[in-house]
Amino acid sequence: RDIVMILAEFQRQFLEIWSMMDYLEIFEPRLKFEDKAHGVNKTWMGCFTKDSAIALRLHKAGVPVWLIRDVRLVDDKINICQVIPFTPADLVF
């Protein structure tokens, strides 16, 4: 039982270090030079945000991003490809 906990902790630490290295080597330099747009990395989990400035900045850095808008703010000039029903977090797992 102790070995399972040790391996789980090792895995958690390893993945955290890996993600920090990705951030420092890939993502942070992209944020510093916002004049160039990067292709979206589909292997990244991405980000949900309500802030359009954050969404634009992350999109230019190549991060998958979903901009959450209130339905009352959507007018006929916005192109909506698909409406997806909200799934509460407790139903996901």
PDB file of N, CA and C in Angstrom:
ATOM      1  N   ARG A   1       0.825  -1.193   0.000  1.00  0.00           N
ATOM      2  CA  ARG A   1       0.000   0.000   0.000  1.00  0.00           C
ATOM      3  C   ARG A   1       0.874   1.263   0.000  1.00  0.00           C
ATOM      4  N   ASP A   2       1.963   1.246   0.747  1.00  0.00           N
ATOM      5  CA  ASP A   2       2.846   2.400   0.790  1.00  0.00           C
ATOM      6  C   ASP A   2       3.510   2.659  -0.552  1.00  0.00           C
ATOM      7  N   ILE A   3       3.852   1.600  -1.273  1.00  0.00           N
ATOM      8  CA  ILE A   3       4.496   1.770  -2.569  1.00  0.00           C
ATOM      9  C   ILE A   3       3.552   2.438  -3.569  1.00  0.00           C
ATOM     10  N   VAL A   4       2.249   2.151  -3.475  1.00  0.00           N
ATOM     11  CA  VAL A   4       1.265   2.783  -4.360  1.00  0.00           C
ATOM     12  C   VAL A   4       1.218   4.286  -4.091  1.00  0.00           C
ATOM     13  N   MET A   5       1.238   4.667  -2.826  1.00  0.00           N
ATOM     14  CA  MET A   5       1.220   6.085  -2.470  1.00  0.00           C
ATOM     15  C   MET A   5       2.504   6.782  -2.916  1.00  0.00           C
ATOM     16  N   ILE A   6       3.620   6.110  -2.781  1.00  0.00           N
ATOM     17  CA  ILE A   6       4.901   6.680  -3.199  1.00  0.00           C
ATOM     18  C   ILE A   6       4.917   6.886  -4.714  1.00  0.00           C
ATOM     19  N   LEU A   7       4.448   5.889  -5.453  1.00  0.00           N
ATOM     20  CA  LEU A   7       4.409   6.010  -6.912  1.00  0.00           C
ATOM     21  C   LEU A   7       3.433   7.098  -7.359  1.00  0.00           C
ATOM     22  N   ALA A   8       2.303   7.202  -6.693  1.00  0.00           N
ATOM     23  CA  ALA A   8       1.329   8.248  -7.031  1.00  0.00           C
ATOM     24  C   ALA A   8       1.921   9.634  -6.786  1.00  0.00           C
ATOM     25  N   GLU A   9       2.611   9.797  -5.676  1.00  0.00           N
ATOM     26  CA  GLU A   9       3.246  11.086  -5.368  1.00  0.00           C
ATOM     27  C   GLU A   9       4.358  11.392  -6.371  1.00  0.00           C
ATOM     28  N   PHE A  10       5.137  10.386  -6.740  1.00  0.00           N
ATOM     29  CA  PHE A  10       6.177  10.579  -7.747  1.00  0.00           C
ATOM     30  C   PHE A  10       5.568  11.028  -9.073  1.00  0.00           C
ATOM     31  N   GLN A  11       4.495  10.375  -9.470  1.00  0.00           N
ATOM     32  CA  GLN A  11       3.832  10.725 -10.730  1.00  0.00           C
ATOM     33  C   GLN A  11       3.316  12.163 -10.686  1.00  0.00           C
ATOM     34  N   ARG A  12       2.717  12.540  -9.583  1.00  0.00           N
ATOM     35  CA  ARG A  12       2.193  13.899  -9.446  1.00  0.00           C
ATOM     36  C   ARG A  12       3.313  14.928  -9.555  1.00  0.00           C
ATOM     37  N   GLN A  13       4.427  14.677  -8.858  1.00  0.00           N
ATOM     38  CA  GLN A  13       5.560  15.595  -8.894  1.00  0.00           C
ATOM     39  C   GLN A  13       6.170  15.664 -10.297  1.00  0.00           C
ATOM     40  N   PHE A  14       6.306  14.503 -10.938  1.00  0.00           N
ATOM     41  CA  PHE A  14       6.864  14.445 -12.285  1.00  0.00           C
ATOM     42  C   PHE A  14       6.016  15.264 -13.260  1.00  0.00           C
ATOM     43  N   LEU A  15       4.699  15.068 -13.225  1.00  0.00           N
ATOM     44  CA  LEU A  15       3.821  15.800 -14.135  1.00  0.00           C
ATOM     45  C   LEU A  15       3.811  17.291 -13.848  1.00  0.00           C
ATOM     46  N   GLU A  16       3.926  17.671 -12.601  1.00  0.00           N
ATOM     47  CA  GLU A  16       3.982  19.090 -12.254  1.00  0.00           C
ATOM     48  C   GLU A  16       5.273  19.726 -12.785  1.00  0.00           C
ATOM     49  N   ILE A  17       6.399  19.029 -12.637  1.00  0.00           N
ATOM     50  CA  ILE A  17       7.664  19.546 -13.167  1.00  0.00           C
ATOM     51  C   ILE A  17       7.614  19.635 -14.689  1.00  0.00           C
ATOM     52  N   TRP A  18       7.054  18.611 -15.327  1.00  0.00           N
ATOM     53  CA  TRP A  18       6.935  18.608 -16.783  1.00  0.00           C
ATOM     54  C   TRP A  18       6.093  19.798 -17.261  1.00  0.00           C
ATOM     55  N   SER A  19       4.968  20.034 -16.600  1.00  0.00           N
ATOM     56  CA  SER A  19       4.114  21.149 -17.007  1.00  0.00           C
ATOM     57  C   SER A  19       4.814  22.485 -16.774  1.00  0.00           C
ATOM     58  N   MET A  20       5.593  22.613 -15.705  1.00  0.00           N
ATOM     59  CA  MET A  20       6.334  23.852 -15.460  1.00  0.00           C
ATOM     60  C   MET A  20       7.384  24.067 -16.544  1.00  0.00           C
ATOM     61  N   MET A  21       8.041  23.003 -16.974  1.00  0.00           N
ATOM     62  CA  MET A  21       9.037  23.122 -18.051  1.00  0.00           C
ATOM     63  C   MET A  21       8.361  23.545 -19.362  1.00  0.00           C
ATOM     64  N   ASP A  22       7.198  22.956 -19.659  1.00  0.00           N
ATOM     65  CA  ASP A  22       6.447  23.372 -20.853  1.00  0.00           C
ATOM     66  C   ASP A  22       6.091  24.851 -20.772  1.00  0.00           C
ATOM     67  N   TYR A  23       5.645  25.283 -19.605  1.00  0.00           N
ATOM     68  CA  TYR A  23       5.280  26.684 -19.428  1.00  0.00           C
ATOM     69  C   TYR A  23       6.480  27.591 -19.678  1.00  0.00           C
ATOM     70  N   LEU A  24       7.612  27.272 -19.050  1.00  0.00           N
ATOM     71  CA  LEU A  24       8.785  28.139 -19.157  1.00  0.00           C
ATOM     72  C   LEU A  24       9.430  28.105 -20.539  1.00  0.00           C
ATOM     73  N   GLU A  25       9.425  26.938 -21.198  1.00  0.00           N
ATOM     74  CA  GLU A  25      10.097  26.802 -22.485  1.00  0.00           C
ATOM     75  C   GLU A  25       9.216  27.143 -23.686  1.00  0.00           C
ATOM     76  N   ILE A  26       7.912  26.925 -23.566  1.00  0.00           N
ATOM     77  CA  ILE A  26       7.029  27.090 -24.725  1.00  0.00           C
ATOM     78  C   ILE A  26       6.064  28.254 -24.545  1.00  0.00           C
ATOM     79  N   PHE A  27       5.288  28.206 -23.481  1.00  0.00           N
ATOM     80  CA  PHE A  27       4.184  29.139 -23.327  1.00  0.00           C
ATOM     81  C   PHE A  27       4.634  30.556 -22.974  1.00  0.00           C
ATOM     82  N   GLU A  28       5.512  30.696 -21.983  1.00  0.00           N
ATOM     83  CA  GLU A  28       5.933  32.031 -21.541  1.00  0.00           C
ATOM     84  C   GLU A  28       6.600  32.837 -22.661  1.00  0.00           C
ATOM     85  N   PRO A  29       7.511  32.246 -23.453  1.00  0.00           N
ATOM     86  CA  PRO A  29       8.078  33.031 -24.565  1.00  0.00           C
ATOM     87  C   PRO A  29       7.023  33.476 -25.576  1.00  0.00           C
ATOM     88  N   ARG A  30       6.018  32.677 -25.779  1.00  0.00           N
ATOM     89  CA  ARG A  30       4.950  33.057 -26.714  1.00  0.00           C
ATOM     90  C   ARG A  30       4.156  34.243 -26.178  1.00  0.00           C
ATOM     91  N   LEU A  31       3.982  34.331 -24.870  1.00  0.00           N
ATOM     92  CA  LEU A  31       3.259  35.451 -24.286  1.00  0.00           C
ATOM     93  C   LEU A  31       4.050  36.751 -24.379  1.00  0.00           C
ATOM     94  N   LYS A  32       5.371  36.645 -24.379  1.00  0.00           N
ATOM     95  CA  LYS A  32       6.208  37.842 -24.445  1.00  0.00           C
ATOM     96  C   LYS A  32       6.199  38.480 -25.833  1.00  0.00           C
ATOM     97  N   PHE A  33       6.037  37.680 -26.872  1.00  0.00           N
ATOM     98  CA  PHE A  33       6.043  38.179 -28.245  1.00  0.00           C
ATOM     99  C   PHE A  33       4.657  37.967 -28.850  1.00  0.00           C
ATOM    100  N   GLU A  34       3.748  38.841 -28.492  1.00  0.00           N
ATOM    101  CA  GLU A  34       2.351  38.680 -28.902  1.00  0.00           C
ATOM    102  C   GLU A  34       2.082  39.075 -30.342  1.00  0.00           C
ATOM    103  N   ASP A  35       3.062  39.667 -31.025  1.00  0.00           N
ATOM    104  CA  ASP A  35       2.829  40.097 -32.397  1.00  0.00           C
ATOM    105  C   ASP A  35       2.721  38.929 -33.369  1.00  0.00           C
ATOM    106  N   LYS A  36       3.189  37.758 -32.969  1.00  0.00           N
ATOM    107  CA  LYS A  36       3.117  36.567 -33.829  1.00  0.00           C
ATOM    108  C   LYS A  36       2.084  35.595 -33.264  1.00  0.00           C
ATOM    109  N   ALA A  37       1.160  35.154 -34.122  1.00  0.00           N
ATOM    110  CA  ALA A  37       0.170  34.158 -33.702  1.00  0.00           C
ATOM    111  C   ALA A  37       0.735  32.766 -33.944  1.00  0.00           C
ATOM    112  N   HIS A  38       0.522  31.872 -33.004  1.00  0.00           N
ATOM    113  CA  HIS A  38       1.010  30.500 -33.093  1.00  0.00           C
ATOM    114  C   HIS A  38      -0.151  29.553 -33.350  1.00  0.00           C
ATOM    115  N   GLY A  39       0.138  28.442 -34.005  1.00  0.00           N
ATOM    116  CA  GLY A  39      -0.886  27.421 -34.217  1.00  0.00           C
ATOM    117  C   GLY A  39      -1.313  26.810 -32.893  1.00  0.00           C
ATOM    118  N   VAL A  40      -2.558  26.413 -32.812  1.00  0.00           N
ATOM    119  CA  VAL A  40      -3.097  25.850 -31.568  1.00  0.00           C
ATOM    120  C   VAL A  40      -2.526  24.463 -31.339  1.00  0.00           C
ATOM    121  N   ASN A  41      -2.023  24.235 -30.134  1.00  0.00           N
ATOM    122  CA  ASN A  41      -1.504  22.929 -29.736  1.00  0.00           C
ATOM    123  C   ASN A  41      -2.675  22.098 -29.202  1.00  0.00           C
ATOM    124  N   LYS A  42      -3.137  21.145 -29.984  1.00  0.00           N
ATOM    125  CA  LYS A  42      -4.318  20.365 -29.613  1.00  0.00           C
ATOM    126  C   LYS A  42      -4.055  19.335 -28.528  1.00  0.00           C
ATOM    127  N   THR A  43      -2.787  19.159 -28.138  1.00  0.00           N
ATOM    128  CA  THR A  43      -2.489  18.220 -27.056  1.00  0.00           C
ATOM    129  C   THR A  43      -2.632  18.874 -25.683  1.00  0.00           C
ATOM    130  N   TRP A  44      -2.732  20.202 -25.646  1.00  0.00           N
ATOM    131  CA  TRP A  44      -2.922  20.904 -24.371  1.00  0.00           C
ATOM    132  C   TRP A  44      -4.383  20.893 -23.983  1.00  0.00           C
ATOM    133  N   MET A  45      -4.642  20.903 -22.680  1.00  0.00           N
ATOM    134  CA  MET A  45      -6.008  20.884 -22.178  1.00  0.00           C
ATOM    135  C   MET A  45      -6.751  22.160 -22.553  1.00  0.00           C
ATOM    136  N   GLY A  46      -6.121  23.299 -22.430  1.00  0.00           N
ATOM    137  CA  GLY A  46      -6.740  24.559 -22.793  1.00  0.00           C
ATOM    138  C   GLY A  46      -7.312  25.297 -21.602  1.00  0.00           C
ATOM    139  N   CYS A  47      -8.083  26.328 -21.914  1.00  0.00           N
ATOM    140  CA  CYS A  47      -8.562  27.245 -20.881  1.00  0.00           C
ATOM    141  C   CYS A  47      -9.975  27.709 -21.198  1.00  0.00           C
ATOM    142  N   PHE A  48     -10.789  27.831 -20.164  1.00  0.00           N
ATOM    143  CA  PHE A  48     -12.102  28.449 -20.256  1.00  0.00           C
ATOM    144  C   PHE A  48     -12.008  29.802 -19.569  1.00  0.00           C
ATOM    145  N   THR A  49     -12.506  30.863 -20.216  1.00  0.00           N
ATOM    146  CA  THR A  49     -12.447  32.188 -19.619  1.00  0.00           C
ATOM    147  C   THR A  49     -13.649  33.017 -20.043  1.00  0.00           C
ATOM    148  N   LYS A  50     -13.977  33.993 -19.204  1.00  0.00           N
ATOM    149  CA  LYS A  50     -15.022  34.961 -19.544  1.00  0.00           C
ATOM    150  C   LYS A  50     -14.418  36.271 -20.034  1.00  0.00           C
ATOM    151  N   ASP A  51     -13.106  36.411 -19.927  1.00  0.00           N
ATOM    152  CA  ASP A  51     -12.407  37.641 -20.282  1.00  0.00           C
ATOM    153  C   ASP A  51     -11.912  37.556 -21.724  1.00  0.00           C
ATOM    154  N   SER A  52     -12.417  38.428 -22.594  1.00  0.00           N
ATOM    155  CA  SER A  52     -12.045  38.363 -24.010  1.00  0.00           C
ATOM    156  C   SER A  52     -10.574  38.721 -24.233  1.00  0.00           C
ATOM    157  N   ALA A  53      -9.977  39.581 -23.395  1.00  0.00           N
ATOM    158  CA  ALA A  53      -8.561  39.921 -23.541  1.00  0.00           C
ATOM    159  C   ALA A  53      -7.681  38.711 -23.234  1.00  0.00           C
ATOM    160  N   ILE A  54      -8.031  37.960 -22.198  1.00  0.00           N
ATOM    161  CA  ILE A  54      -7.293  36.740 -21.865  1.00  0.00           C
ATOM    162  C   ILE A  54      -7.465  35.708 -22.973  1.00  0.00           C
ATOM    163  N   ALA A  55      -8.677  35.578 -23.489  1.00  0.00           N
ATOM    164  CA  ALA A  55      -8.934  34.618 -24.566  1.00  0.00           C
ATOM    165  C   ALA A  55      -8.084  34.938 -25.793  1.00  0.00           C
ATOM    166  N   LEU A  56      -8.002  36.214 -26.162  1.00  0.00           N
ATOM    167  CA  LEU A  56      -7.210  36.618 -27.319  1.00  0.00           C
ATOM    168  C   LEU A  56      -5.725  36.341 -27.091  1.00  0.00           C
ATOM    169  N   ARG A  57      -5.237  36.676 -25.911  1.00  0.00           N
ATOM    170  CA  ARG A  57      -3.819  36.473 -25.593  1.00  0.00           C
ATOM    171  C   ARG A  57      -3.448  34.983 -25.615  1.00  0.00           C
ATOM    172  N   LEU A  58      -4.290  34.143 -25.019  1.00  0.00           N
ATOM    173  CA  LEU A  58      -4.019  32.708 -25.011  1.00  0.00           C
ATOM    174  C   LEU A  58      -4.120  32.118 -26.413  1.00  0.00           C
ATOM    175  N   HIS A  59      -5.103  32.566 -27.186  1.00  0.00           N
ATOM    176  CA  HIS A  59      -5.257  32.067 -28.556  1.00  0.00           C
ATOM    177  C   HIS A  59      -4.029  32.393 -29.395  1.00  0.00           C
ATOM    178  N   LYS A  60      -3.522  33.619 -29.276  1.00  0.00           N
ATOM    179  CA  LYS A  60      -2.313  33.993 -30.021  1.00  0.00           C
ATOM    180  C   LYS A  60      -1.106  33.164 -29.597  1.00  0.00           C
ATOM    181  N   ALA A  61      -1.092  32.712 -28.330  1.00  0.00           N
ATOM    182  CA  ALA A  61       0.010  31.891 -27.835  1.00  0.00           C
ATOM    183  C   ALA A  61      -0.142  30.428 -28.239  1.00  0.00           C
ATOM    184  N   GLY A  62      -1.257  30.063 -28.859  1.00  0.00           N
ATOM    185  CA  GLY A  62      -1.460  28.693 -29.318  1.00  0.00           C
ATOM    186  C   GLY A  62      -2.138  27.791 -28.312  1.00  0.00           C
ATOM    187  N   VAL A  63      -2.772  28.388 -27.304  1.00  0.00           N
ATOM    188  CA  VAL A  63      -3.474  27.603 -26.282  1.00  0.00           C
ATOM    189  C   VAL A  63      -4.938  27.453 -26.701  1.00  0.00           C
ATOM    190  N   PRO A  64      -5.484  26.237 -26.674  1.00  0.00           N
ATOM    191  CA  PRO A  64      -6.910  26.095 -26.939  1.00  0.00           C
ATOM    192  C   PRO A  64      -7.699  26.898 -25.900  1.00  0.00           C
ATOM    193  N   VAL A  65      -8.645  27.697 -26.349  1.00  0.00           N
ATOM    194  CA  VAL A  65      -9.377  28.563 -25.419  1.00  0.00           C
ATOM    195  C   VAL A  65     -10.852  28.606 -25.794  1.00  0.00           C
ATOM    196  N   TRP A  66     -11.689  28.634 -24.778  1.00  0.00           N
ATOM    197  CA  TRP A  66     -13.131  28.746 -24.954  1.00  0.00           C
ATOM    198  C   TRP A  66     -13.576  30.003 -24.225  1.00  0.00           C
ATOM    199  N   LEU A  67     -14.179  30.930 -24.965  1.00  0.00           N
ATOM    200  CA  LEU A  67     -14.667  32.174 -24.398  1.00  0.00           C
ATOM    201  C   LEU A  67     -16.121  31.975 -23.990  1.00  0.00           C
ATOM    202  N   ILE A  68     -16.374  32.072 -22.698  1.00  0.00           N
ATOM    203  CA  ILE A  68     -17.720  31.880 -22.150  1.00  0.00           C
ATOM    204  C   ILE A  68     -18.451  33.215 -22.198  1.00  0.00           C
ATOM    205  N   ARG A  69     -19.593  33.241 -22.858  1.00  0.00           N
ATOM    206  CA  ARG A  69     -20.389  34.466 -22.964  1.00  0.00           C
ATOM    207  C   ARG A  69     -21.802  34.201 -22.468  1.00  0.00           C
ATOM    208  N   ASP A  70     -22.376  35.194 -21.856  1.00  0.00           N
ATOM    209  CA  ASP A  70     -23.774  35.124 -21.458  1.00  0.00           C
ATOM    210  C   ASP A  70     -24.620  35.182 -22.727  1.00  0.00           C
ATOM    211  N   VAL A  71     -25.640  34.367 -22.795  1.00  0.00           N
ATOM    212  CA  VAL A  71     -26.477  34.288 -23.997  1.00  0.00           C
ATOM    213  C   VAL A  71     -27.106  35.647 -24.319  1.00  0.00           C
ATOM    214  N   ARG A  72     -27.306  36.488 -23.323  1.00  0.00           N
ATOM    215  CA  ARG A  72     -27.891  37.815 -23.564  1.00  0.00           C
ATOM    216  C   ARG A  72     -26.930  38.740 -24.307  1.00  0.00           C
ATOM    217  N   LEU A  73     -25.637  38.428 -24.294  1.00  0.00           N
ATOM    218  CA  LEU A  73     -24.646  39.263 -24.974  1.00  0.00           C
ATOM    219  C   LEU A  73     -24.413  38.848 -26.420  1.00  0.00           C
ATOM    220  N   VAL A  74     -25.015  37.759 -26.833  1.00  0.00           N
ATOM    221  CA  VAL A  74     -24.825  37.251 -28.197  1.00  0.00           C
ATOM    222  C   VAL A  74     -25.815  37.941 -29.125  1.00  0.00           C
ATOM    223  N   ASP A  75     -25.274  38.597 -30.156  1.00  0.00           N
ATOM    224  CA  ASP A  75     -26.167  39.223 -31.130  1.00  0.00           C
ATOM    225  C   ASP A  75     -26.060  38.488 -32.462  1.00  0.00           C
ATOM    226  N   ASP A  76     -26.761  38.977 -33.473  1.00  0.00           N
ATOM    227  CA  ASP A  76     -26.796  38.268 -34.751  1.00  0.00           C
ATOM    228  C   ASP A  76     -25.511  38.421 -35.570  1.00  0.00           C
ATOM    229  N   LYS A  77     -24.542  39.228 -35.112  1.00  0.00           N
ATOM    230  CA  LYS A  77     -23.267  39.376 -35.813  1.00  0.00           C
ATOM    231  C   LYS A  77     -22.251  38.313 -35.391  1.00  0.00           C
ATOM    232  N   ILE A  78     -22.533  37.576 -34.315  1.00  0.00           N
ATOM    233  CA  ILE A  78     -21.616  36.550 -33.831  1.00  0.00           C
ATOM    234  C   ILE A  78     -21.966  35.224 -34.489  1.00  0.00           C
ATOM    235  N   ASN A  79     -20.962  34.574 -35.064  1.00  0.00           N
ATOM    236  CA  ASN A  79     -21.163  33.299 -35.736  1.00  0.00           C
ATOM    237  C   ASN A  79     -21.039  32.163 -34.716  1.00  0.00           C
ATOM    238  N   ILE A  80     -22.122  31.449 -34.467  1.00  0.00           N
ATOM    239  CA  ILE A  80     -22.124  30.326 -33.528  1.00  0.00           C
ATOM    240  C   ILE A  80     -22.191  29.040 -34.323  1.00  0.00           C
ATOM    241  N   CYS A  81     -21.147  28.216 -34.180  1.00  0.00           N
ATOM    242  CA  CYS A  81     -21.100  26.948 -34.910  1.00  0.00           C
ATOM    243  C   CYS A  81     -21.961  25.890 -34.232  1.00  0.00           C
ATOM    244  N   GLN A  82     -21.917  25.849 -32.898  1.00  0.00           N
ATOM    245  CA  GLN A  82     -22.643  24.815 -32.173  1.00  0.00           C
ATOM    246  C   GLN A  82     -22.876  25.264 -30.734  1.00  0.00           C
ATOM    247  N   VAL A  83     -24.072  25.036 -30.237  1.00  0.00           N
ATOM    248  CA  VAL A  83     -24.393  25.301 -28.839  1.00  0.00           C
ATOM    249  C   VAL A  83     -24.322  23.976 -28.094  1.00  0.00           C
ATOM    250  N   ILE A  84     -23.553  23.965 -27.005  1.00  0.00           N
ATOM    251  CA  ILE A  84     -23.354  22.742 -26.231  1.00  0.00           C
ATOM    252  C   ILE A  84     -23.954  22.939 -24.851  1.00  0.00           C
ATOM    253  N   PRO A  85     -24.794  22.008 -24.384  1.00  0.00           N
ATOM    254  CA  PRO A  85     -25.384  22.167 -23.054  1.00  0.00           C
ATOM    255  C   PRO A  85     -24.327  22.070 -21.960  1.00  0.00           C
ATOM    256  N   PHE A  86     -24.541  22.813 -20.916  1.00  0.00           N
ATOM    257  CA  PHE A  86     -23.620  22.825 -19.777  1.00  0.00           C
ATOM    258  C   PHE A  86     -23.725  21.517 -18.995  1.00  0.00           C
ATOM    259  N   THR A  87     -22.584  20.936 -18.653  1.00  0.00           N
ATOM    260  CA  THR A  87     -22.533  19.721 -17.857  1.00  0.00           C
ATOM    261  C   THR A  87     -21.870  20.051 -16.512  1.00  0.00           C
ATOM    262  N   PRO A  88     -22.606  19.978 -15.396  1.00  0.00           N
ATOM    263  CA  PRO A  88     -21.995  20.265 -14.099  1.00  0.00           C
ATOM    264  C   PRO A  88     -20.835  19.316 -13.811  1.00  0.00           C
ATOM    265  N   ALA A  89     -19.837  19.822 -13.086  1.00  0.00           N
ATOM    266  CA  ALA A  89     -18.617  19.056 -12.814  1.00  0.00           C
ATOM    267  C   ALA A  89     -18.883  17.738 -12.101  1.00  0.00           C
ATOM    268  N   ASP A  90     -19.873  17.697 -11.232  1.00  0.00           N
ATOM    269  CA  ASP A  90     -20.122  16.448 -10.501  1.00  0.00           C
ATOM    270  C   ASP A  90     -20.668  15.334 -11.396  1.00  0.00           C
ATOM    271  N   LEU A  91     -21.122  15.680 -12.603  1.00  0.00           N
ATOM    272  CA  LEU A  91     -21.620  14.664 -13.537  1.00  0.00           C
ATOM    273  C   LEU A  91     -20.525  14.197 -14.500  1.00  0.00           C
ATOM    274  N   VAL A  92     -19.409  14.883 -14.540  1.00  0.00           N
ATOM    275  CA  VAL A  92     -18.334  14.547 -15.484  1.00  0.00           C
ATOM    276  C   VAL A  92     -17.613  13.287 -15.049  1.00  0.00           C
ATOM    277  N   PHE A  93     -17.315  13.155 -13.769  1.00  0.00           N
ATOM    278  CA  PHE A  93     -16.520  12.032 -13.289  1.00  0.00           C
ATOM    279  C   PHE A  93     -17.396  10.963 -12.758  1.00  0.00           C
TER     280      PHE A  93
END
